[in-house]
């Protein structure tokens, strides 16, 4: 029986990661693991210190919260007894400060949602013991009969005005400003490319004062290029759909600003909702829009939660989706390079409910057969067993 510590360190923020922790704990317990849940908000530093000398087979953390904690000016990972698995929910460039400071003495491992992200960690952070690619999972028992679903489209996510991000880029030091603008231009011209490729083509071609900096640091310095491009495509997708009068409802904070910006009815937008509530809402609607957060070899959890709820997922694709799913059979696809066709694709689906249902049911079957949280935790236990065997061979 494996003894696993799962950390919830958000102190009330980023409720989604607490949900992920709960799902992981539930499935691990079902497979006879002993799970200890540490919650910073409830247990505090005193509760954490009680765990310092308890041997664990694995310590699961989300988005590098644990490595950032210190006790008596020392990293908490110095005190814990067991391998730490840091499940990164976005590009590793946002975790550079953590990853660069991982000491070789630490039994520290990383899980990424994208194979390109995993390869990035392997290349630039050799002190990390092992790196694995594993997306988040779909949720069991969150579906609704197709007949009861609203035959319209929804999107759940936050709106950030790209103009605000661009203003920050424009105010940056000249070298960062030039690099970020170059990266943005490159990504718009090559929407299937990765952020690191966009950064590298600039980094290697310019004799700039930051050329001597390590590439991961240069990536971190230009993180706003990634943030900006993602915000532009999210705004564009929603704007196109609403301007073309596609029956749609948008949930999440900030979208009222877009209504004012593009001159449309605010009634299309609802305010902020919890992650758990977003899953319930996805199950109520026929089509769930997904806009990948620039995952080119991975998948966002929205893809799996929409399909496990029996709804059709309308999404841009990735190498991961192409490998495990079939476009227009398991999900409906659109291309970032031809965003103007997105409303037409959405309307066609809404006009052909039989085909929409067939795709939704096929996708649901595919996700429920191998991409739920229980499947992810089975893989996680395999990872632990393989790492244990590799350690014993040394």
Protein backbone atom coordinates (compact mmCIF):
# COMPACT_ATOMS: atom_id res chain seq x y z
CA UNK A 1 0.00 0.00 0.00
CA UNK A 2 1.42 3.34 -1.06
CA UNK A 3 1.42 6.24 1.37
CA UNK A 4 0.88 9.50 -0.53
CA UNK A 5 0.80 13.11 0.63
CA UNK A 6 -1.26 15.54 -1.47
CA UNK A 7 -0.83 19.27 -0.91
CA UNK A 8 -3.50 21.95 -1.20
CA UNK A 9 -1.52 25.14 -0.75
CA UNK A 10 -3.61 27.81 -2.46
CA UNK A 11 -4.99 29.43 0.68
CA UNK A 12 -8.38 29.90 -0.93
CA UNK A 13 -7.10 31.03 -4.35
CA UNK A 14 -7.14 29.02 -7.60
CA UNK A 15 -9.97 26.78 -6.48
CA UNK A 16 -9.43 24.55 -9.53
CA UNK A 17 -6.17 23.12 -8.18
CA UNK A 18 -7.89 22.19 -4.94
CA UNK A 19 -10.47 20.36 -7.03
CA UNK A 20 -7.69 18.50 -8.84
CA UNK A 21 -6.14 17.53 -5.51
CA UNK A 22 -9.48 16.20 -4.28
CA UNK A 23 -10.00 14.17 -7.45
CA UNK A 24 -6.52 12.68 -7.20
CA UNK A 25 -7.03 11.80 -3.54
CA UNK A 26 -10.41 10.17 -4.18
CA UNK A 27 -9.11 7.94 -6.96
CA UNK A 28 -5.93 6.98 -5.12
CA UNK A 29 -7.94 5.94 -2.08
CA UNK A 30 -10.15 3.79 -4.29
CA UNK A 31 -7.01 1.93 -5.37
CA UNK A 32 -6.05 1.22 -1.75
CA UNK A 33 -3.51 4.00 -1.33
CA UNK A 34 -3.25 5.72 2.02
CA UNK A 35 -3.66 9.42 1.28
CA UNK A 36 -2.81 12.29 3.62
CA UNK A 37 -4.25 15.63 2.53
CA UNK A 38 -2.41 18.71 3.75
CA UNK A 39 -4.35 21.97 3.44
CA UNK A 40 -2.40 25.13 4.15
CA UNK A 41 -5.53 27.15 4.89
CA UNK A 42 -6.69 24.67 7.53
CA UNK A 43 -3.48 23.08 8.85
CA UNK A 44 -0.94 25.89 8.59
CA UNK A 45 2.77 25.66 9.29
CA UNK A 46 2.25 23.66 12.50
CA UNK A 47 0.36 20.98 10.58
CA UNK A 48 3.05 20.88 7.92
CA UNK A 49 5.82 20.41 10.47
CA UNK A 50 4.05 17.31 11.81
CA UNK A 51 4.64 15.68 8.43
CA UNK A 52 8.36 16.38 8.20
CA UNK A 53 9.54 12.99 9.40
CA UNK A 54 6.70 10.85 8.02
CA UNK A 55 7.91 8.60 5.17
CA UNK A 56 5.84 9.00 2.01
CA UNK A 57 6.00 7.05 -1.24
CA UNK A 58 5.11 10.27 -3.06
CA UNK A 59 4.27 13.89 -2.35
CA UNK A 60 1.98 15.42 -4.98
CA UNK A 61 1.91 19.18 -5.45
CA UNK A 62 0.30 21.41 -8.08
CA UNK A 63 1.94 24.34 -9.87
CA UNK A 64 5.09 24.56 -7.74
CA UNK A 65 3.41 25.75 -4.56
CA UNK A 66 5.35 23.39 -2.28
CA UNK A 67 8.88 24.27 -3.48
CA UNK A 68 8.16 27.93 -2.79
CA UNK A 69 7.41 27.30 0.89
CA UNK A 70 10.16 27.83 3.44
CA UNK A 71 10.53 27.05 7.12
CA UNK A 72 13.39 28.73 9.02
CA UNK A 73 14.65 30.08 5.67
CA UNK A 74 15.02 26.55 4.26
CA UNK A 75 12.87 25.04 1.51
CA UNK A 76 10.17 22.76 2.84
CA UNK A 77 11.34 20.02 0.44
CA UNK A 78 14.49 19.79 2.59
CA UNK A 79 12.38 18.52 5.47
CA UNK A 80 9.94 16.19 3.74
CA UNK A 81 10.65 12.48 3.51
CA UNK A 82 9.65 11.28 0.06
CA UNK A 83 9.84 12.08 -3.65
CA UNK A 84 8.05 15.28 -4.66
CA UNK A 85 5.96 15.29 -7.86
CA UNK A 86 5.22 18.80 -9.08
CA UNK A 87 2.30 18.78 -11.54
CA UNK A 88 2.73 21.89 -13.70
CA UNK A 89 -0.50 23.25 -15.14
CA UNK A 90 1.06 25.72 -17.56
CA UNK A 91 4.33 26.23 -19.43
CA UNK A 92 7.50 25.63 -17.37
CA UNK A 93 8.67 29.15 -18.23
CA UNK A 94 6.30 30.34 -15.50
CA UNK A 95 8.09 28.10 -13.00
CA UNK A 96 11.67 28.98 -13.83
CA UNK A 97 12.41 30.46 -10.41
CA UNK A 98 11.43 27.16 -8.79
CA UNK A 99 12.97 24.73 -11.26
CA UNK A 100 16.35 26.48 -11.42
CA UNK A 101 16.69 26.22 -7.63
CA UNK A 102 15.93 22.52 -7.31
CA UNK A 103 19.03 20.98 -5.74
CA UNK A 104 20.44 17.72 -7.03
CA UNK A 105 19.96 16.27 -3.53
CA UNK A 106 16.20 16.72 -3.80
CA UNK A 107 14.13 13.78 -4.99
CA UNK A 108 12.12 16.07 -7.24
CA UNK A 109 10.02 15.11 -10.27
CA UNK A 110 7.83 17.05 -12.70
CA UNK A 111 4.59 16.19 -14.49
CA UNK A 112 3.53 18.34 -17.45
CA UNK A 113 0.30 18.65 -19.42
CA UNK A 114 2.15 18.87 -22.73
CA UNK A 115 4.94 16.71 -24.14
CA UNK A 116 6.72 19.82 -25.42
CA UNK A 117 6.69 21.24 -21.89
CA UNK A 118 8.09 17.95 -20.58
CA UNK A 119 10.91 18.01 -23.10
CA UNK A 120 11.65 21.62 -22.16
CA UNK A 121 12.12 20.62 -18.50
CA UNK A 122 14.30 17.65 -19.47
CA UNK A 123 16.54 19.89 -21.56
CA UNK A 124 16.96 22.87 -19.26
CA UNK A 125 16.59 21.50 -15.73
CA UNK A 126 18.73 18.34 -15.52
CA UNK A 127 18.59 18.39 -11.72
CA UNK A 128 14.94 17.27 -11.92
CA UNK A 129 15.04 13.49 -11.37
CA UNK A 130 12.33 12.59 -13.88
CA UNK A 131 9.82 14.33 -16.13
CA UNK A 132 6.50 12.92 -17.29
CA UNK A 133 3.66 14.05 -19.52
CA UNK A 134 0.16 13.44 -18.16
CA UNK A 135 -2.89 15.67 -18.79
CA UNK A 136 -5.57 16.21 -16.20
CA UNK A 137 -8.65 14.01 -16.42
CA UNK A 138 -12.33 13.99 -17.10
CA UNK A 139 -14.82 13.70 -14.27
CA UNK A 140 -17.03 10.67 -13.73
CA UNK A 141 -20.75 11.00 -13.02
CA UNK A 142 -21.04 14.55 -14.30
CA UNK A 143 -23.01 13.85 -17.44
CA UNK A 144 -26.54 14.76 -18.53
CA UNK A 145 -28.75 12.94 -21.07
CA UNK A 146 -28.37 14.48 -24.51
CA UNK A 147 -32.10 15.14 -24.77
CA UNK A 148 -31.93 17.46 -21.76
CA UNK A 149 -28.95 19.50 -22.91
CA UNK A 150 -29.43 23.03 -24.23
CA UNK A 151 -28.52 23.05 -27.89
CA UNK A 152 -26.20 26.03 -27.70
CA UNK A 153 -22.55 26.84 -26.98
CA UNK A 154 -20.78 27.85 -23.79
CA UNK A 155 -17.29 28.87 -22.77
CA UNK A 156 -15.96 29.06 -19.21
CA UNK A 157 -12.82 31.10 -18.65
CA UNK A 158 -11.32 34.43 -17.64
CA UNK A 159 -11.09 37.46 -19.90
CA UNK A 160 -7.98 39.62 -19.88
CA UNK A 161 -7.89 42.52 -22.33
CA UNK A 162 -4.90 41.98 -24.67
CA UNK A 163 -4.42 45.74 -24.82
CA UNK A 164 -3.53 45.79 -21.12
CA UNK A 165 -0.89 43.12 -21.68
CA UNK A 166 0.49 44.99 -24.68
CA UNK A 167 0.76 48.17 -22.63
CA UNK A 168 2.95 46.27 -20.17
CA UNK A 169 5.13 45.00 -23.01
CA UNK A 170 5.49 48.51 -24.43
CA UNK A 171 6.65 49.77 -21.03
CA UNK A 172 9.28 47.02 -20.66
CA UNK A 173 13.02 47.63 -21.15
CA UNK A 174 13.91 47.89 -24.83
CA UNK A 175 15.52 44.45 -25.14
CA UNK A 176 12.54 42.68 -23.61
CA UNK A 177 10.08 44.80 -25.59
CA UNK A 178 11.82 44.02 -28.89
CA UNK A 179 12.06 40.30 -28.13
CA UNK A 180 8.43 40.01 -27.02
CA UNK A 181 7.10 41.88 -30.03
CA UNK A 182 9.20 39.71 -32.33
CA UNK A 183 7.88 36.56 -30.63
CA UNK A 184 4.30 37.77 -30.94
CA UNK A 185 4.71 38.46 -34.65
CA UNK A 186 6.27 35.03 -35.15
CA UNK A 187 3.45 33.23 -33.29
CA UNK A 188 0.76 35.01 -35.25
CA UNK A 189 2.52 33.98 -38.46
CA UNK A 190 3.08 30.42 -37.19
CA UNK A 191 0.13 29.62 -34.89
CA UNK A 192 1.09 25.93 -34.72
CA UNK A 193 4.54 26.79 -33.35
CA UNK A 194 5.58 26.68 -29.70
CA UNK A 195 6.48 29.65 -27.54
CA UNK A 196 10.00 28.33 -27.05
CA UNK A 197 10.54 28.11 -30.82
CA UNK A 198 9.37 31.70 -31.22
CA UNK A 199 11.73 32.79 -28.46
CA UNK A 200 14.68 30.79 -29.77
CA UNK A 201 14.53 32.22 -33.29
CA UNK A 202 14.97 35.68 -31.78
CA UNK A 203 17.45 34.66 -29.10
CA UNK A 204 19.81 33.02 -31.59
CA UNK A 205 19.58 35.67 -34.28
CA UNK A 206 20.19 38.83 -32.28
CA UNK A 207 23.34 40.19 -30.71
CA UNK A 208 21.54 41.55 -27.68
CA UNK A 209 22.68 42.31 -24.18
CA UNK A 210 20.65 39.37 -22.87
CA UNK A 211 22.25 36.91 -25.30
CA UNK A 212 24.57 35.73 -22.55
CA UNK A 213 21.64 34.90 -20.27
CA UNK A 214 20.54 31.30 -20.06
CA UNK A 215 17.74 30.57 -22.49
CA UNK A 216 15.19 29.63 -19.78
CA UNK A 217 15.78 33.00 -18.12
CA UNK A 218 15.27 34.74 -21.45
CA UNK A 219 12.02 32.81 -21.88
CA UNK A 220 10.85 33.90 -18.45
CA UNK A 221 11.70 37.53 -19.18
CA UNK A 222 9.44 37.42 -22.24
CA UNK A 223 6.50 35.57 -20.70
CA UNK A 224 4.12 38.37 -21.70
CA UNK A 225 4.45 37.34 -25.34
CA UNK A 226 2.83 34.01 -24.48
CA UNK A 227 0.22 35.71 -22.31
CA UNK A 228 -0.64 38.24 -25.02
CA UNK A 229 -1.07 35.78 -27.88
CA UNK A 230 -3.27 33.52 -25.78
CA UNK A 231 -5.44 36.48 -24.74
CA UNK A 232 -5.82 37.65 -28.34
CA UNK A 233 -7.05 34.29 -29.59
CA UNK A 234 -9.43 33.90 -26.66
CA UNK A 235 -10.89 37.36 -27.32
CA UNK A 236 -11.07 36.69 -31.04
CA UNK A 237 -12.87 33.35 -30.66
CA UNK A 238 -15.57 34.72 -28.38
CA UNK A 239 -15.96 37.96 -30.35
CA UNK A 240 -16.40 36.15 -33.65
CA UNK A 241 -19.06 33.84 -32.25
CA UNK A 242 -21.07 36.60 -30.60
CA UNK A 243 -20.85 39.04 -33.51
CA UNK A 244 -22.25 36.30 -35.77
CA UNK A 245 -25.13 35.76 -33.33
CA UNK A 246 -24.15 32.19 -32.48
CA UNK A 247 -26.30 31.09 -29.50
CA UNK A 248 -23.69 31.25 -26.77
CA UNK A 249 -23.19 31.93 -23.09
CA UNK A 250 -19.83 32.99 -21.65
CA UNK A 251 -18.97 32.38 -17.98
CA UNK A 252 -16.11 33.89 -16.05
CA UNK A 253 -14.73 37.20 -14.77
CA UNK A 254 -13.93 40.19 -16.94
CA UNK A 255 -16.07 39.52 -20.00
CA UNK A 256 -18.28 42.59 -19.49
CA UNK A 257 -15.23 44.60 -20.60
CA UNK A 258 -15.32 42.81 -23.94
CA UNK A 259 -19.02 43.58 -24.35
CA UNK A 260 -18.23 47.28 -24.04
CA UNK A 261 -15.17 46.96 -26.27
CA UNK A 262 -16.94 45.33 -29.22
CA UNK A 263 -20.41 46.77 -28.62
CA UNK A 264 -22.55 43.73 -27.90
CA UNK A 265 -25.21 42.83 -25.35
CA UNK A 266 -23.83 42.09 -21.88
CA UNK A 267 -26.52 39.44 -21.39
CA UNK A 268 -24.30 36.96 -23.21
CA UNK A 269 -21.91 37.07 -20.26
CA UNK A 270 -22.23 35.71 -16.75
CA UNK A 271 -19.89 36.43 -13.90
CA UNK A 272 -17.28 34.36 -12.16
CA UNK A 273 -18.20 30.81 -11.16
CA UNK A 274 -16.37 28.08 -9.27
CA UNK A 275 -14.52 25.34 -11.12
CA UNK A 276 -17.00 22.76 -9.84
CA UNK A 277 -19.91 24.88 -11.04
CA UNK A 278 -18.29 25.19 -14.47
CA UNK A 279 -18.36 21.41 -14.78
CA UNK A 280 -22.08 21.36 -14.01
CA UNK A 281 -22.71 24.07 -16.60
CA UNK A 282 -20.67 22.23 -19.25
CA UNK A 283 -22.89 19.21 -18.77
CA UNK A 284 -26.01 21.29 -19.43
CA UNK A 285 -24.98 22.51 -22.90
CA UNK A 286 -24.50 20.77 -26.22
CA UNK A 287 -21.23 22.45 -27.23
CA UNK A 288 -18.32 23.47 -25.02
CA UNK A 289 -15.79 25.79 -26.65
CA UNK A 290 -12.15 25.14 -25.82
CA UNK A 291 -9.24 27.43 -26.70
CA UNK A 292 -5.96 25.72 -25.90
CA UNK A 293 -3.58 27.76 -23.69
CA UNK A 294 -0.96 27.30 -26.42
CA UNK A 295 -0.60 23.56 -25.76
CA UNK A 296 0.81 22.16 -29.02
CA UNK A 297 1.49 18.62 -27.78
CA UNK A 298 -0.94 18.33 -24.89
CA UNK A 299 -4.49 19.11 -23.83
CA UNK A 300 -6.34 21.39 -21.44
CA UNK A 301 -8.58 19.82 -18.81
CA UNK A 302 -11.62 21.55 -20.39
CA UNK A 303 -11.31 19.14 -23.32
CA UNK A 304 -11.73 16.12 -21.05
CA UNK A 305 -14.33 17.55 -18.68
CA UNK A 306 -16.56 18.65 -21.56
CA UNK A 307 -16.45 15.25 -23.22
CA UNK A 308 -16.80 13.24 -20.00
CA UNK A 309 -19.99 15.27 -19.43
CA UNK A 310 -21.33 14.04 -22.76
CA UNK A 311 -21.05 17.42 -24.48
CA UNK A 312 -19.34 18.12 -27.78
CA UNK A 313 -16.00 19.87 -27.49
CA UNK A 314 -15.20 22.45 -30.18
CA UNK A 315 -11.46 23.06 -29.96
CA UNK A 316 -8.23 23.87 -31.73
CA UNK A 317 -6.07 20.78 -31.98
CA UNK A 318 -2.65 19.56 -30.84
CA UNK A 319 -0.33 16.64 -31.50
CA UNK A 320 -1.78 14.91 -28.45
CA UNK A 321 -5.35 15.23 -29.70
CA UNK A 322 -4.31 14.02 -33.14
CA UNK A 323 -2.71 10.95 -31.57
CA UNK A 324 -5.52 9.85 -29.26
CA UNK A 325 -8.71 11.36 -30.75
CA UNK A 326 -10.32 11.79 -34.17
CA UNK A 327 -11.31 15.23 -35.36
CA UNK A 328 -14.97 15.53 -36.35
CA UNK A 329 -15.57 12.05 -34.93
CA UNK A 330 -14.64 12.44 -31.25
CA UNK A 331 -14.47 16.24 -31.18
CA UNK A 332 -15.09 19.16 -33.53
CA UNK A 333 -12.03 21.11 -34.59
CA UNK A 334 -11.14 24.57 -35.82
CA UNK A 335 -7.83 26.12 -36.85
CA UNK A 336 -6.12 29.13 -35.30
CA UNK A 337 -4.87 29.98 -38.80
CA UNK A 338 -8.46 30.43 -40.02
CA UNK A 339 -10.39 31.73 -37.03
CA UNK A 340 -12.92 33.43 -39.28
CA UNK A 341 -14.37 29.98 -40.01
CA UNK A 342 -15.13 29.26 -36.32
CA UNK A 343 -18.68 30.77 -36.32
CA UNK A 344 -19.57 28.84 -39.46
CA UNK A 345 -18.37 25.58 -37.87
CA UNK A 346 -20.31 26.27 -34.68
CA UNK A 347 -23.49 27.15 -36.58
CA UNK A 348 -23.24 24.03 -38.76
CA UNK A 349 -23.06 21.87 -35.66
CA UNK A 350 -26.05 23.62 -34.09
CA UNK A 351 -28.00 23.16 -37.32
CA UNK A 352 -27.14 19.43 -37.46
CA UNK A 353 -28.00 18.16 -34.00
CA UNK A 354 -27.86 14.51 -35.08
CA UNK A 355 -24.23 14.83 -36.17
CA UNK A 356 -23.50 16.94 -33.11
CA UNK A 357 -24.88 14.21 -30.87
CA UNK A 358 -22.90 11.50 -32.68
CA UNK A 359 -19.64 13.36 -32.16
CA UNK A 360 -20.49 14.10 -28.52
CA UNK A 361 -21.32 10.47 -27.76
CA UNK A 362 -18.19 9.19 -29.50
CA UNK A 363 -16.01 11.64 -27.60
CA UNK A 364 -17.68 10.79 -24.32
CA UNK A 365 -17.05 7.09 -24.88
CA UNK A 366 -13.39 7.73 -25.71
CA UNK A 367 -12.77 9.89 -22.62
CA UNK A 368 -14.72 7.66 -20.24
CA UNK A 369 -12.79 4.60 -21.42
CA UNK A 370 -9.33 5.98 -20.75
CA UNK A 371 -9.04 9.66 -19.83
CA UNK A 372 -10.79 10.05 -16.48
CA UNK A 373 -9.15 10.91 -13.18
CA UNK A 374 -9.08 7.22 -12.26
CA UNK A 375 -7.02 6.54 -15.40
CA UNK A 376 -4.61 9.37 -14.60
CA UNK A 377 -4.04 8.07 -11.08
CA UNK A 378 -3.43 4.58 -12.42
CA UNK A 379 -0.70 6.07 -14.63
CA UNK A 380 0.64 8.05 -11.66
CA UNK A 381 1.02 4.86 -9.63
CA UNK A 382 2.82 3.25 -12.56
CA UNK A 383 5.19 6.23 -12.63
CA UNK A 384 5.88 5.77 -8.90
CA UNK A 385 6.54 2.07 -9.35
CA UNK A 386 8.87 2.63 -12.31
CA UNK A 387 10.80 5.33 -10.47
CA UNK A 388 11.14 3.07 -7.44
CA UNK A 389 12.53 0.26 -9.58
CA UNK A 390 14.97 2.63 -11.30
CA UNK A 391 16.17 3.89 -7.92
CA UNK A 392 16.72 0.35 -6.66
CA UNK A 393 18.89 -0.40 -9.70
CA UNK A 394 21.29 2.41 -8.85
